[in-house]
Amino acid sequence: MPAARAGKGVFGGERGQGFREDSEYRRKGTCNIFLAYDIDKGVRYTKVTERRAKQDYALFVDELLAEHYPDAEKVTIVQDNLNTHCYGSFFTGLQELRAWELRKR
């Protein structure tokens, strides 16, 4: 069944106008997709989570740096200003020592 279901209501238009059809949206769940793109390598890294929380963001960044950039001394991250995208997220989702390591990187 498509997300937008036609047929909820059909409205007659005035003379000279076509008919208008109303539709209904049914939500079938949500998810969150993290995406990191390395412009130098042309590689994308993604992770799908059930929710969007500071802990999830911190784990994504931690996994990304540990798996793909373990030897990098400094990493530059360009991101939007979503409330979960901040240094405080590291301290919410990780152990304090690891959070400080990421913060300094």
PDB file of N, CA and C in Angstrom:
ATOM      1  N   MET A   1       0.859  -1.180   0.000  1.00  0.00           N
ATOM      2  CA  MET A   1       0.000   0.000   0.000  1.00  0.00           C
ATOM      3  C   MET A   1       0.899   1.234   0.000  1.00  0.00           C
ATOM      4  N   PRO A   2       0.696   2.147  -0.911  1.00  0.00           N
ATOM      5  CA  PRO A   2       1.529   3.348  -0.964  1.00  0.00           C
ATOM      6  C   PRO A   2       1.311   4.242   0.250  1.00  0.00           C
ATOM      7  N   ALA A   3       2.338   5.075   0.509  1.00  0.00           N
ATOM      8  CA  ALA A   3       2.255   5.972   1.663  1.00  0.00           C
ATOM      9  C   ALA A   3       1.102   6.963   1.526  1.00  0.00           C
ATOM     10  N   ALA A   4       0.874   7.454   0.328  1.00  0.00           N
ATOM     11  CA  ALA A   4      -0.250   8.369   0.108  1.00  0.00           C
ATOM     12  C   ALA A   4      -1.381   7.563  -0.520  1.00  0.00           C
ATOM     13  N   ARG A   5      -2.489   7.494   0.152  1.00  0.00           N
ATOM     14  CA  ARG A   5      -3.618   6.696  -0.330  1.00  0.00           C
ATOM     15  C   ARG A   5      -4.657   7.648  -0.903  1.00  0.00           C
ATOM     16  N   ALA A   6      -4.954   7.437  -2.164  1.00  0.00           N
ATOM     17  CA  ALA A   6      -5.931   8.303  -2.821  1.00  0.00           C
ATOM     18  C   ALA A   6      -7.336   7.868  -2.459  1.00  0.00           C
ATOM     19  N   GLY A   7      -8.264   8.767  -2.612  1.00  0.00           N
ATOM     20  CA  GLY A   7      -9.663   8.410  -2.458  1.00  0.00           C
ATOM     21  C   GLY A   7     -10.281   8.794  -1.139  1.00  0.00           C
ATOM     22  N   LYS A   8      -9.590   9.519  -0.297  1.00  0.00           N
ATOM     23  CA  LYS A   8     -10.188   9.930   0.977  1.00  0.00           C
ATOM     24  C   LYS A   8     -11.361  10.862   0.722  1.00  0.00           C
ATOM     25  N   GLY A   9     -11.210  11.677  -0.266  1.00  0.00           N
ATOM     26  CA  GLY A   9     -12.301  12.593  -0.588  1.00  0.00           C
ATOM     27  C   GLY A   9     -12.114  13.184  -1.959  1.00  0.00           C
ATOM     28  N   VAL A  10     -13.182  13.356  -2.651  1.00  0.00           N
ATOM     29  CA  VAL A  10     -13.133  13.981  -3.959  1.00  0.00           C
ATOM     30  C   VAL A  10     -14.005  15.221  -3.884  1.00  0.00           C
ATOM     31  N   PHE A  11     -13.452  16.324  -4.323  1.00  0.00           N
ATOM     32  CA  PHE A  11     -14.154  17.586  -4.218  1.00  0.00           C
ATOM     33  C   PHE A  11     -14.500  18.088  -5.611  1.00  0.00           C
ATOM     34  N   GLY A  12     -15.711  18.482  -5.783  1.00  0.00           N
ATOM     35  CA  GLY A  12     -16.122  19.055  -7.063  1.00  0.00           C
ATOM     36  C   GLY A  12     -15.679  20.492  -7.138  1.00  0.00           C
ATOM     37  N   GLY A  13     -15.174  20.857  -8.250  1.00  0.00           N
ATOM     38  CA  GLY A  13     -14.722  22.225  -8.418  1.00  0.00           C
ATOM     39  C   GLY A  13     -15.841  23.102  -8.949  1.00  0.00           C
ATOM     40  N   GLU A  14     -15.554  24.334  -9.020  1.00  0.00           N
ATOM     41  CA  GLU A  14     -16.509  25.246  -9.628  1.00  0.00           C
ATOM     42  C   GLU A  14     -16.493  25.017 -11.135  1.00  0.00           C
ATOM     43  N   ARG A  15     -17.440  25.591 -11.760  1.00  0.00           N
ATOM     44  CA  ARG A  15     -17.545  25.417 -13.199  1.00  0.00           C
ATOM     45  C   ARG A  15     -16.248  25.906 -13.866  1.00  0.00           C
ATOM     46  N   GLY A  16     -15.701  25.073 -14.726  1.00  0.00           N
ATOM     47  CA  GLY A  16     -14.469  25.424 -15.423  1.00  0.00           C
ATOM     48  C   GLY A  16     -13.212  24.911 -14.733  1.00  0.00           C
ATOM     49  N   GLN A  17     -13.340  24.388 -13.505  1.00  0.00           N
ATOM     50  CA  GLN A  17     -12.194  23.835 -12.788  1.00  0.00           C
ATOM     51  C   GLN A  17     -12.309  22.319 -12.776  1.00  0.00           C
ATOM     52  N   GLY A  18     -11.183  21.661 -12.725  1.00  0.00           N
ATOM     53  CA  GLY A  18     -11.179  20.205 -12.633  1.00  0.00           C
ATOM     54  C   GLY A  18     -11.490  19.755 -11.216  1.00  0.00           C
ATOM     55  N   PHE A  19     -11.682  18.469 -11.057  1.00  0.00           N
ATOM     56  CA  PHE A  19     -11.930  17.914  -9.734  1.00  0.00           C
ATOM     57  C   PHE A  19     -10.629  17.838  -8.955  1.00  0.00           C
ATOM     58  N   ARG A  20     -10.713  17.967  -7.651  1.00  0.00           N
ATOM     59  CA  ARG A  20      -9.552  17.863  -6.761  1.00  0.00           C
ATOM     60  C   ARG A  20      -9.714  16.626  -5.903  1.00  0.00           C
ATOM     61  N   GLU A  21      -8.620  15.947  -5.703  1.00  0.00           N
ATOM     62  CA  GLU A  21      -8.658  14.714  -4.926  1.00  0.00           C
ATOM     63  C   GLU A  21      -7.777  14.868  -3.698  1.00  0.00           C
ATOM     64  N   ASP A  22      -8.305  14.533  -2.542  1.00  0.00           N
ATOM     65  CA  ASP A  22      -7.566  14.604  -1.290  1.00  0.00           C
ATOM     66  C   ASP A  22      -6.838  13.279  -1.087  1.00  0.00           C
ATOM     67  N   SER A  23      -5.725  13.303  -0.410  1.00  0.00           N
ATOM     68  CA  SER A  23      -4.989  12.073  -0.116  1.00  0.00           C
ATOM     69  C   SER A  23      -4.672  12.018   1.372  1.00  0.00           C
ATOM     70  N   GLU A  24      -4.272  10.850   1.818  1.00  0.00           N
ATOM     71  CA  GLU A  24      -3.987  10.628   3.227  1.00  0.00           C
ATOM     72  C   GLU A  24      -2.613   9.989   3.354  1.00  0.00           C
ATOM     73  N   TYR A  25      -1.817  10.477   4.286  1.00  0.00           N
ATOM     74  CA  TYR A  25      -0.477   9.946   4.522  1.00  0.00           C
ATOM     75  C   TYR A  25      -0.506   9.056   5.750  1.00  0.00           C
ATOM     76  N   ARG A  26       0.016   7.872   5.612  1.00  0.00           N
ATOM     77  CA  ARG A  26       0.108   6.956   6.759  1.00  0.00           C
ATOM     78  C   ARG A  26       1.569   6.717   7.083  1.00  0.00           C
ATOM     79  N   ARG A  27       1.947   7.094   8.274  1.00  0.00           N
ATOM     80  CA  ARG A  27       3.321   6.920   8.712  1.00  0.00           C
ATOM     81  C   ARG A  27       3.547   5.473   9.108  1.00  0.00           C
ATOM     82  N   LYS A  28       4.615   4.896   8.609  1.00  0.00           N
ATOM     83  CA  LYS A  28       4.900   3.487   8.879  1.00  0.00           C
ATOM     84  C   LYS A  28       6.229   3.321   9.605  1.00  0.00           C
ATOM     85  N   GLY A  29       6.541   4.269  10.464  1.00  0.00           N
ATOM     86  CA  GLY A  29       7.774   4.177  11.238  1.00  0.00           C
ATOM     87  C   GLY A  29       8.776   5.243  10.839  1.00  0.00           C
ATOM     88  N   THR A  30       9.842   5.328  11.588  1.00  0.00           N
ATOM     89  CA  THR A  30      10.886   6.304  11.330  1.00  0.00           C
ATOM     90  C   THR A  30      12.246   5.644  11.495  1.00  0.00           C
ATOM     91  N   CYS A  31      13.264   6.301  10.995  1.00  0.00           N
ATOM     92  CA  CYS A  31      14.643   5.882  11.214  1.00  0.00           C
ATOM     93  C   CYS A  31      15.524   7.107  11.047  1.00  0.00           C
ATOM     94  N   ASN A  32      16.783   6.947  11.348  1.00  0.00           N
ATOM     95  CA  ASN A  32      17.754   8.017  11.230  1.00  0.00           C
ATOM     96  C   ASN A  32      18.905   7.487  10.387  1.00  0.00           C
ATOM     97  N   ILE A  33      19.405   8.298   9.467  1.00  0.00           N
ATOM     98  CA  ILE A  33      20.530   7.888   8.635  1.00  0.00           C
ATOM     99  C   ILE A  33      21.668   8.878   8.844  1.00  0.00           C
ATOM    100  N   PHE A  34      22.803   8.374   9.339  1.00  0.00           N
ATOM    101  CA  PHE A  34      24.012   9.189   9.450  1.00  0.00           C
ATOM    102  C   PHE A  34      24.797   9.004   8.165  1.00  0.00           C
ATOM    103  N   LEU A  35      25.348  10.087   7.657  1.00  0.00           N
ATOM    104  CA  LEU A  35      26.138  10.038   6.433  1.00  0.00           C
ATOM    105  C   LEU A  35      27.385  10.876   6.613  1.00  0.00           C
ATOM    106  N   ALA A  36      28.520  10.263   6.323  1.00  0.00           N
ATOM    107  CA  ALA A  36      29.789  10.991   6.314  1.00  0.00           C
ATOM    108  C   ALA A  36      30.394  10.808   4.930  1.00  0.00           C
ATOM    109  N   TYR A  37      30.920  11.872   4.376  1.00  0.00           N
ATOM    110  CA  TYR A  37      31.483  11.830   3.036  1.00  0.00           C
ATOM    111  C   TYR A  37      32.909  12.344   3.083  1.00  0.00           C
ATOM    112  N   ASP A  38      33.845  11.518   2.622  1.00  0.00           N
ATOM    113  CA  ASP A  38      35.246  11.925   2.536  1.00  0.00           C
ATOM    114  C   ASP A  38      35.463  12.471   1.137  1.00  0.00           C
ATOM    115  N   ILE A  39      35.565  13.783   1.028  1.00  0.00           N
ATOM    116  CA  ILE A  39      35.669  14.425  -0.277  1.00  0.00           C
ATOM    117  C   ILE A  39      36.987  14.091  -0.973  1.00  0.00           C
ATOM    118  N   ASP A  40      38.050  13.849  -0.208  1.00  0.00           N
ATOM    119  CA  ASP A  40      39.347  13.523  -0.809  1.00  0.00           C
ATOM    120  C   ASP A  40      39.356  12.136  -1.431  1.00  0.00           C
ATOM    121  N   LYS A  41      38.683  11.187  -0.801  1.00  0.00           N
ATOM    122  CA  LYS A  41      38.650   9.806  -1.295  1.00  0.00           C
ATOM    123  C   LYS A  41      37.419   9.515  -2.149  1.00  0.00           C
ATOM    124  N   GLY A  42      36.404  10.359  -2.039  1.00  0.00           N
ATOM    125  CA  GLY A  42      35.160  10.114  -2.763  1.00  0.00           C
ATOM    126  C   GLY A  42      34.393   8.931  -2.203  1.00  0.00           C
ATOM    127  N   VAL A  43      34.445   8.767  -0.881  1.00  0.00           N
ATOM    128  CA  VAL A  43      33.817   7.625  -0.215  1.00  0.00           C
ATOM    129  C   VAL A  43      32.764   8.117   0.764  1.00  0.00           C
ATOM    130  N   ARG A  44      31.617   7.409   0.813  1.00  0.00           N
ATOM    131  CA  ARG A  44      30.559   7.717   1.779  1.00  0.00           C
ATOM    132  C   ARG A  44      30.525   6.627   2.840  1.00  0.00           C
ATOM    133  N   TYR A  45      30.246   7.040   4.058  1.00  0.00           N
ATOM    134  CA  TYR A  45      30.054   6.109   5.171  1.00  0.00           C
ATOM    135  C   TYR A  45      28.665   6.376   5.733  1.00  0.00           C
ATOM    136  N   THR A  46      27.886   5.328   5.904  1.00  0.00           N
ATOM    137  CA  THR A  46      26.522   5.508   6.405  1.00  0.00           C
ATOM    138  C   THR A  46      26.243   4.553   7.558  1.00  0.00           C
ATOM    139  N   LYS A  47      25.274   4.939   8.356  1.00  0.00           N
ATOM    140  CA  LYS A  47      24.793   4.093   9.443  1.00  0.00           C
ATOM    141  C   LYS A  47      23.327   4.445   9.682  1.00  0.00           C
ATOM    142  N   VAL A  48      22.494   3.420   9.773  1.00  0.00           N
ATOM    143  CA  VAL A  48      21.071   3.611  10.021  1.00  0.00           C
ATOM    144  C   VAL A  48      20.789   3.254  11.474  1.00  0.00           C
ATOM    145  N   THR A  49      20.084   4.142  12.172  1.00  0.00           N
ATOM    146  CA  THR A  49      19.698   3.880  13.559  1.00  0.00           C
ATOM    147  C   THR A  49      18.195   4.071  13.702  1.00  0.00           C
ATOM    148  N   GLU A  50      17.651   3.528  14.754  1.00  0.00           N
ATOM    149  CA  GLU A  50      16.208   3.628  14.986  1.00  0.00           C
ATOM    150  C   GLU A  50      15.781   5.010  15.462  1.00  0.00           C
ATOM    151  N   ARG A  51      16.714   5.743  16.060  1.00  0.00           N
ATOM    152  CA  ARG A  51      16.363   7.050  16.615  1.00  0.00           C
ATOM    153  C   ARG A  51      17.490   8.033  16.339  1.00  0.00           C
ATOM    154  N   ARG A  52      17.228   9.301  16.576  1.00  0.00           N
ATOM    155  CA  ARG A  52      18.239  10.334  16.429  1.00  0.00           C
ATOM    156  C   ARG A  52      18.531  10.885  17.810  1.00  0.00           C
ATOM    157  N   ALA A  53      19.621  10.444  18.381  1.00  0.00           N
ATOM    158  CA  ALA A  53      19.975  10.867  19.730  1.00  0.00           C
ATOM    159  C   ALA A  53      21.471  11.195  19.793  1.00  0.00           C
ATOM    160  N   LYS A  54      21.847  11.928  20.818  1.00  0.00           N
ATOM    161  CA  LYS A  54      23.252  12.295  20.988  1.00  0.00           C
ATOM    162  C   LYS A  54      24.153  11.074  21.101  1.00  0.00           C
ATOM    163  N   GLN A  55      23.665  10.049  21.785  1.00  0.00           N
ATOM    164  CA  GLN A  55      24.444   8.827  21.938  1.00  0.00           C
ATOM    165  C   GLN A  55      24.715   8.173  20.581  1.00  0.00           C
ATOM    166  N   ASP A  56      23.708   8.151  19.720  1.00  0.00           N
ATOM    167  CA  ASP A  56      23.863   7.554  18.393  1.00  0.00           C
ATOM    168  C   ASP A  56      24.879   8.329  17.558  1.00  0.00           C
ATOM    169  N   TYR A  57      24.812   9.643  17.632  1.00  0.00           N
ATOM    170  CA  TYR A  57      25.767  10.485  16.902  1.00  0.00           C
ATOM    171  C   TYR A  57      27.185  10.238  17.412  1.00  0.00           C
ATOM    172  N   ALA A  58      27.363  10.189  18.718  1.00  0.00           N
ATOM    173  CA  ALA A  58      28.680   9.968  19.303  1.00  0.00           C
ATOM    174  C   ALA A  58      29.244   8.613  18.878  1.00  0.00           C
ATOM    175  N   LEU A  59      28.422   7.582  18.889  1.00  0.00           N
ATOM    176  CA  LEU A  59      28.872   6.252  18.480  1.00  0.00           C
ATOM    177  C   LEU A  59      29.230   6.222  17.000  1.00  0.00           C
ATOM    178  N   PHE A  60      28.465   6.920  16.168  1.00  0.00           N
ATOM    179  CA  PHE A  60      28.765   6.974  14.742  1.00  0.00           C
ATOM    180  C   PHE A  60      30.131   7.611  14.496  1.00  0.00           C
ATOM    181  N   VAL A  61      30.381   8.753  15.106  1.00  0.00           N
ATOM    182  CA  VAL A  61      31.663   9.437  14.930  1.00  0.00           C
ATOM    183  C   VAL A  61      32.796   8.589  15.489  1.00  0.00           C
ATOM    184  N   ASP A  62      32.594   7.979  16.641  1.00  0.00           N
ATOM    185  CA  ASP A  62      33.615   7.122  17.247  1.00  0.00           C
ATOM    186  C   ASP A  62      33.947   5.948  16.332  1.00  0.00           C
ATOM    187  N   GLU A  63      32.936   5.268  15.823  1.00  0.00           N
ATOM    188  CA  GLU A  63      33.159   4.130  14.924  1.00  0.00           C
ATOM    189  C   GLU A  63      33.831   4.576  13.629  1.00  0.00           C
ATOM    190  N   LEU A  64      33.390   5.690  13.091  1.00  0.00           N
ATOM    191  CA  LEU A  64      33.954   6.207  11.850  1.00  0.00           C
ATOM    192  C   LEU A  64      35.449   6.481  11.995  1.00  0.00           C
ATOM    193  N   LEU A  65      35.818   7.183  13.053  1.00  0.00           N
ATOM    194  CA  LEU A  65      37.226   7.522  13.247  1.00  0.00           C
ATOM    195  C   LEU A  65      38.062   6.309  13.618  1.00  0.00           C
ATOM    196  N   ALA A  66      37.516   5.412  14.419  1.00  0.00           N
ATOM    197  CA  ALA A  66      38.267   4.215  14.833  1.00  0.00           C
ATOM    198  C   ALA A  66      38.499   3.258  13.664  1.00  0.00           C
ATOM    199  N   GLU A  67      37.501   3.092  12.810  1.00  0.00           N
ATOM    200  CA  GLU A  67      37.610   2.127  11.713  1.00  0.00           C
ATOM    201  C   GLU A  67      38.326   2.680  10.483  1.00  0.00           C
ATOM    202  N   HIS A  68      38.046   3.927  10.129  1.00  0.00           N
ATOM    203  CA  HIS A  68      38.535   4.452   8.856  1.00  0.00           C
ATOM    204  C   HIS A  68      39.670   5.460   8.970  1.00  0.00           C
ATOM    205  N   TYR A  69      39.831   6.067  10.128  1.00  0.00           N
ATOM    206  CA  TYR A  69      40.876   7.079  10.309  1.00  0.00           C
ATOM    207  C   TYR A  69      41.605   6.894  11.643  1.00  0.00           C
ATOM    208  N   PRO A  70      42.072   5.690  11.945  1.00  0.00           N
ATOM    209  CA  PRO A  70      42.682   5.470  13.269  1.00  0.00           C
ATOM    210  C   PRO A  70      44.002   6.211  13.475  1.00  0.00           C
ATOM    211  N   ASP A  71      44.730   6.503  12.391  1.00  0.00           N
ATOM    212  CA  ASP A  71      46.036   7.145  12.519  1.00  0.00           C
ATOM    213  C   ASP A  71      45.992   8.659  12.302  1.00  0.00           C
ATOM    214  N   ALA A  72      44.829   9.194  11.989  1.00  0.00           N
ATOM    215  CA  ALA A  72      44.725  10.634  11.734  1.00  0.00           C
ATOM    216  C   ALA A  72      44.856  11.411  13.040  1.00  0.00           C
ATOM    217  N   GLU A  73      45.747  12.386  13.038  1.00  0.00           N
ATOM    218  CA  GLU A  73      45.927  13.209  14.226  1.00  0.00           C
ATOM    219  C   GLU A  73      44.805  14.222  14.373  1.00  0.00           C
ATOM    220  N   LYS A  74      44.358  14.748  13.234  1.00  0.00           N
ATOM    221  CA  LYS A  74      43.297  15.754  13.257  1.00  0.00           C
ATOM    222  C   LYS A  74      42.297  15.429  12.157  1.00  0.00           C
ATOM    223  N   VAL A  75      41.031  15.584  12.485  1.00  0.00           N
ATOM    224  CA  VAL A  75      39.952  15.346  11.531  1.00  0.00           C
ATOM    225  C   VAL A  75      39.068  16.584  11.516  1.00  0.00           C
ATOM    226  N   THR A  76      38.754  17.073  10.328  1.00  0.00           N
ATOM    227  CA  THR A  76      37.870  18.218  10.190  1.00  0.00           C
ATOM    228  C   THR A  76      36.489  17.715   9.783  1.00  0.00           C
ATOM    229  N   ILE A  77      35.497  18.043  10.581  1.00  0.00           N
ATOM    230  CA  ILE A  77      34.126  17.628  10.304  1.00  0.00           C
ATOM    231  C   ILE A  77      33.303  18.874  10.010  1.00  0.00           C
ATOM    232  N   VAL A  78      32.661  18.876   8.860  1.00  0.00           N
ATOM    233  CA  VAL A  78      31.750  19.954   8.492  1.00  0.00           C
ATOM    234  C   VAL A  78      30.347  19.386   8.603  1.00  0.00           C
ATOM    235  N   GLN A  79      29.504  20.021   9.376  1.00  0.00           N
ATOM    236  CA  GLN A  79      28.164  19.480   9.615  1.00  0.00           C
ATOM    237  C   GLN A  79      27.155  20.599   9.819  1.00  0.00           C
ATOM    238  N   ASP A  80      25.897  20.197   9.850  1.00  0.00           N
ATOM    239  CA  ASP A  80      24.844  21.189  10.073  1.00  0.00           C
ATOM    240  C   ASP A  80      24.761  21.519  11.564  1.00  0.00           C
ATOM    241  N   ASN A  81      23.802  22.331  11.933  1.00  0.00           N
ATOM    242  CA  ASN A  81      23.698  22.767  13.327  1.00  0.00           C
ATOM    243  C   ASN A  81      22.585  22.033  14.082  1.00  0.00           C
ATOM    244  N   LEU A  82      22.340  20.794  13.747  1.00  0.00           N
ATOM    245  CA  LEU A  82      21.370  19.993  14.467  1.00  0.00           C
ATOM    246  C   LEU A  82      21.801  19.866  15.927  1.00  0.00           C
ATOM    247  N   ASN A  83      20.853  19.829  16.832  1.00  0.00           N
ATOM    248  CA  ASN A  83      21.183  19.865  18.266  1.00  0.00           C
ATOM    249  C   ASN A  83      22.039  18.686  18.724  1.00  0.00           C
ATOM    250  N   THR A  84      22.028  17.571  18.017  1.00  0.00           N
ATOM    251  CA  THR A  84      22.848  16.422  18.429  1.00  0.00           C
ATOM    252  C   THR A  84      24.277  16.519  17.916  1.00  0.00           C
ATOM    253  N   HIS A  85      24.550  17.434  16.994  1.00  0.00           N
ATOM    254  CA  HIS A  85      25.869  17.547  16.391  1.00  0.00           C
ATOM    255  C   HIS A  85      26.734  18.540  17.148  1.00  0.00           C
ATOM    256  N   CYS A  86      27.183  18.133  18.326  1.00  0.00           N
ATOM    257  CA  CYS A  86      28.015  19.004  19.148  1.00  0.00           C
ATOM    258  C   CYS A  86      28.964  18.152  19.986  1.00  0.00           C
ATOM    259  N   TYR A  87      29.969  18.795  20.551  1.00  0.00           N
ATOM    260  CA  TYR A  87      30.945  18.068  21.366  1.00  0.00           C
ATOM    261  C   TYR A  87      30.300  17.428  22.594  1.00  0.00           C
ATOM    262  N   GLY A  88      29.273  18.057  23.116  1.00  0.00           N
ATOM    263  CA  GLY A  88      28.586  17.509  24.287  1.00  0.00           C
ATOM    264  C   GLY A  88      28.016  16.129  24.040  1.00  0.00           C
ATOM    265  N   SER A  89      27.717  15.821  22.797  1.00  0.00           N
ATOM    266  CA  SER A  89      27.205  14.491  22.453  1.00  0.00           C
ATOM    267  C   SER A  89      28.222  13.408  22.777  1.00  0.00           C
ATOM    268  N   PHE A  90      29.514  13.724  22.599  1.00  0.00           N
ATOM    269  CA  PHE A  90      30.544  12.738  22.907  1.00  0.00           C
ATOM    270  C   PHE A  90      30.514  12.365  24.386  1.00  0.00           C
ATOM    271  N   PHE A  91      30.274  13.346  25.238  1.00  0.00           N
ATOM    272  CA  PHE A  91      30.271  13.095  26.673  1.00  0.00           C
ATOM    273  C   PHE A  91      28.992  12.404  27.126  1.00  0.00           C
ATOM    274  N   THR A  92      27.928  12.526  26.344  1.00  0.00           N
ATOM    275  CA  THR A  92      26.673  11.850  26.655  1.00  0.00           C
ATOM    276  C   THR A  92      26.722  10.389  26.257  1.00  0.00           C
ATOM    277  N   GLY A  93      27.387  10.100  25.125  1.00  0.00           N
ATOM    278  CA  GLY A  93      27.325   8.757  24.574  1.00  0.00           C
ATOM    279  C   GLY A  93      28.554   7.898  24.771  1.00  0.00           C
ATOM    280  N   LEU A  94      29.660   8.465  25.239  1.00  0.00           N
ATOM    281  CA  LEU A  94      30.902   7.702  25.363  1.00  0.00           C
ATOM    282  C   LEU A  94      31.505   7.880  26.750  1.00  0.00           C
ATOM    283  N   GLN A  95      32.494   7.055  27.036  1.00  0.00           N
ATOM    284  CA  GLN A  95      33.214   7.220  28.296  1.00  0.00           C
ATOM    285  C   GLN A  95      33.985   8.533  28.237  1.00  0.00           C
ATOM    286  N   GLU A  96      34.201   9.129  29.379  1.00  0.00           N
ATOM    287  CA  GLU A  96      34.772  10.471  29.430  1.00  0.00           C
ATOM    288  C   GLU A  96      36.138  10.563  28.755  1.00  0.00           C
ATOM    289  N   LEU A  97      37.000   9.595  28.969  1.00  0.00           N
ATOM    290  CA  LEU A  97      38.336   9.626  28.370  1.00  0.00           C
ATOM    291  C   LEU A  97      38.241   9.591  26.847  1.00  0.00           C
ATOM    292  N   ARG A  98      37.396   8.714  26.316  1.00  0.00           N
ATOM    293  CA  ARG A  98      37.229   8.613  24.861  1.00  0.00           C
ATOM    294  C   ARG A  98      36.583   9.895  24.306  1.00  0.00           C
ATOM    295  N   ALA A  99      35.666  10.472  25.038  1.00  0.00           N
ATOM    296  CA  ALA A  99      35.030  11.710  24.608  1.00  0.00           C
ATOM    297  C   ALA A  99      36.063  12.831  24.478  1.00  0.00           C
ATOM    298  N   TRP A 100      36.966  12.927  25.431  1.00  0.00           N
ATOM    299  CA  TRP A 100      38.013  13.959  25.366  1.00  0.00           C
ATOM    300  C   TRP A 100      38.944  13.706  24.189  1.00  0.00           C
ATOM    301  N   GLU A 101      39.253  12.443  23.905  1.00  0.00           N
ATOM    302  CA  GLU A 101      40.109  12.126  22.762  1.00  0.00           C
ATOM    303  C   GLU A 101      39.469  12.599  21.457  1.00  0.00           C
ATOM    304  N   LEU A 102      38.194  12.313  21.294  1.00  0.00           N
ATOM    305  CA  LEU A 102      37.483  12.747  20.091  1.00  0.00           C
ATOM    306  C   LEU A 102      37.395  14.269  20.026  1.00  0.00           C
ATOM    307  N   ARG A 103      37.144  14.878  21.140  1.00  0.00           N
ATOM    308  CA  ARG A 103      37.015  16.345  21.201  1.00  0.00           C
ATOM    309  C   ARG A 103      38.294  17.028  20.749  1.00  0.00           C
ATOM    310  N   LYS A 104      39.422  16.484  21.152  1.00  0.00           N
ATOM    311  CA  LYS A 104      40.709  17.087  20.798  1.00  0.00           C
ATOM    312  C   LYS A 104      41.098  16.813  19.361  1.00  0.00           C
ATOM    313  N   ARG A 105      40.575  15.762  18.795  1.00  0.00           N
ATOM    314  CA  ARG A 105      40.891  15.408  17.410  1.00  0.00           C
ATOM    315  C   ARG A 105      40.148  16.302  16.463  1.00  0.00           C
TER     316      ARG A 105
END
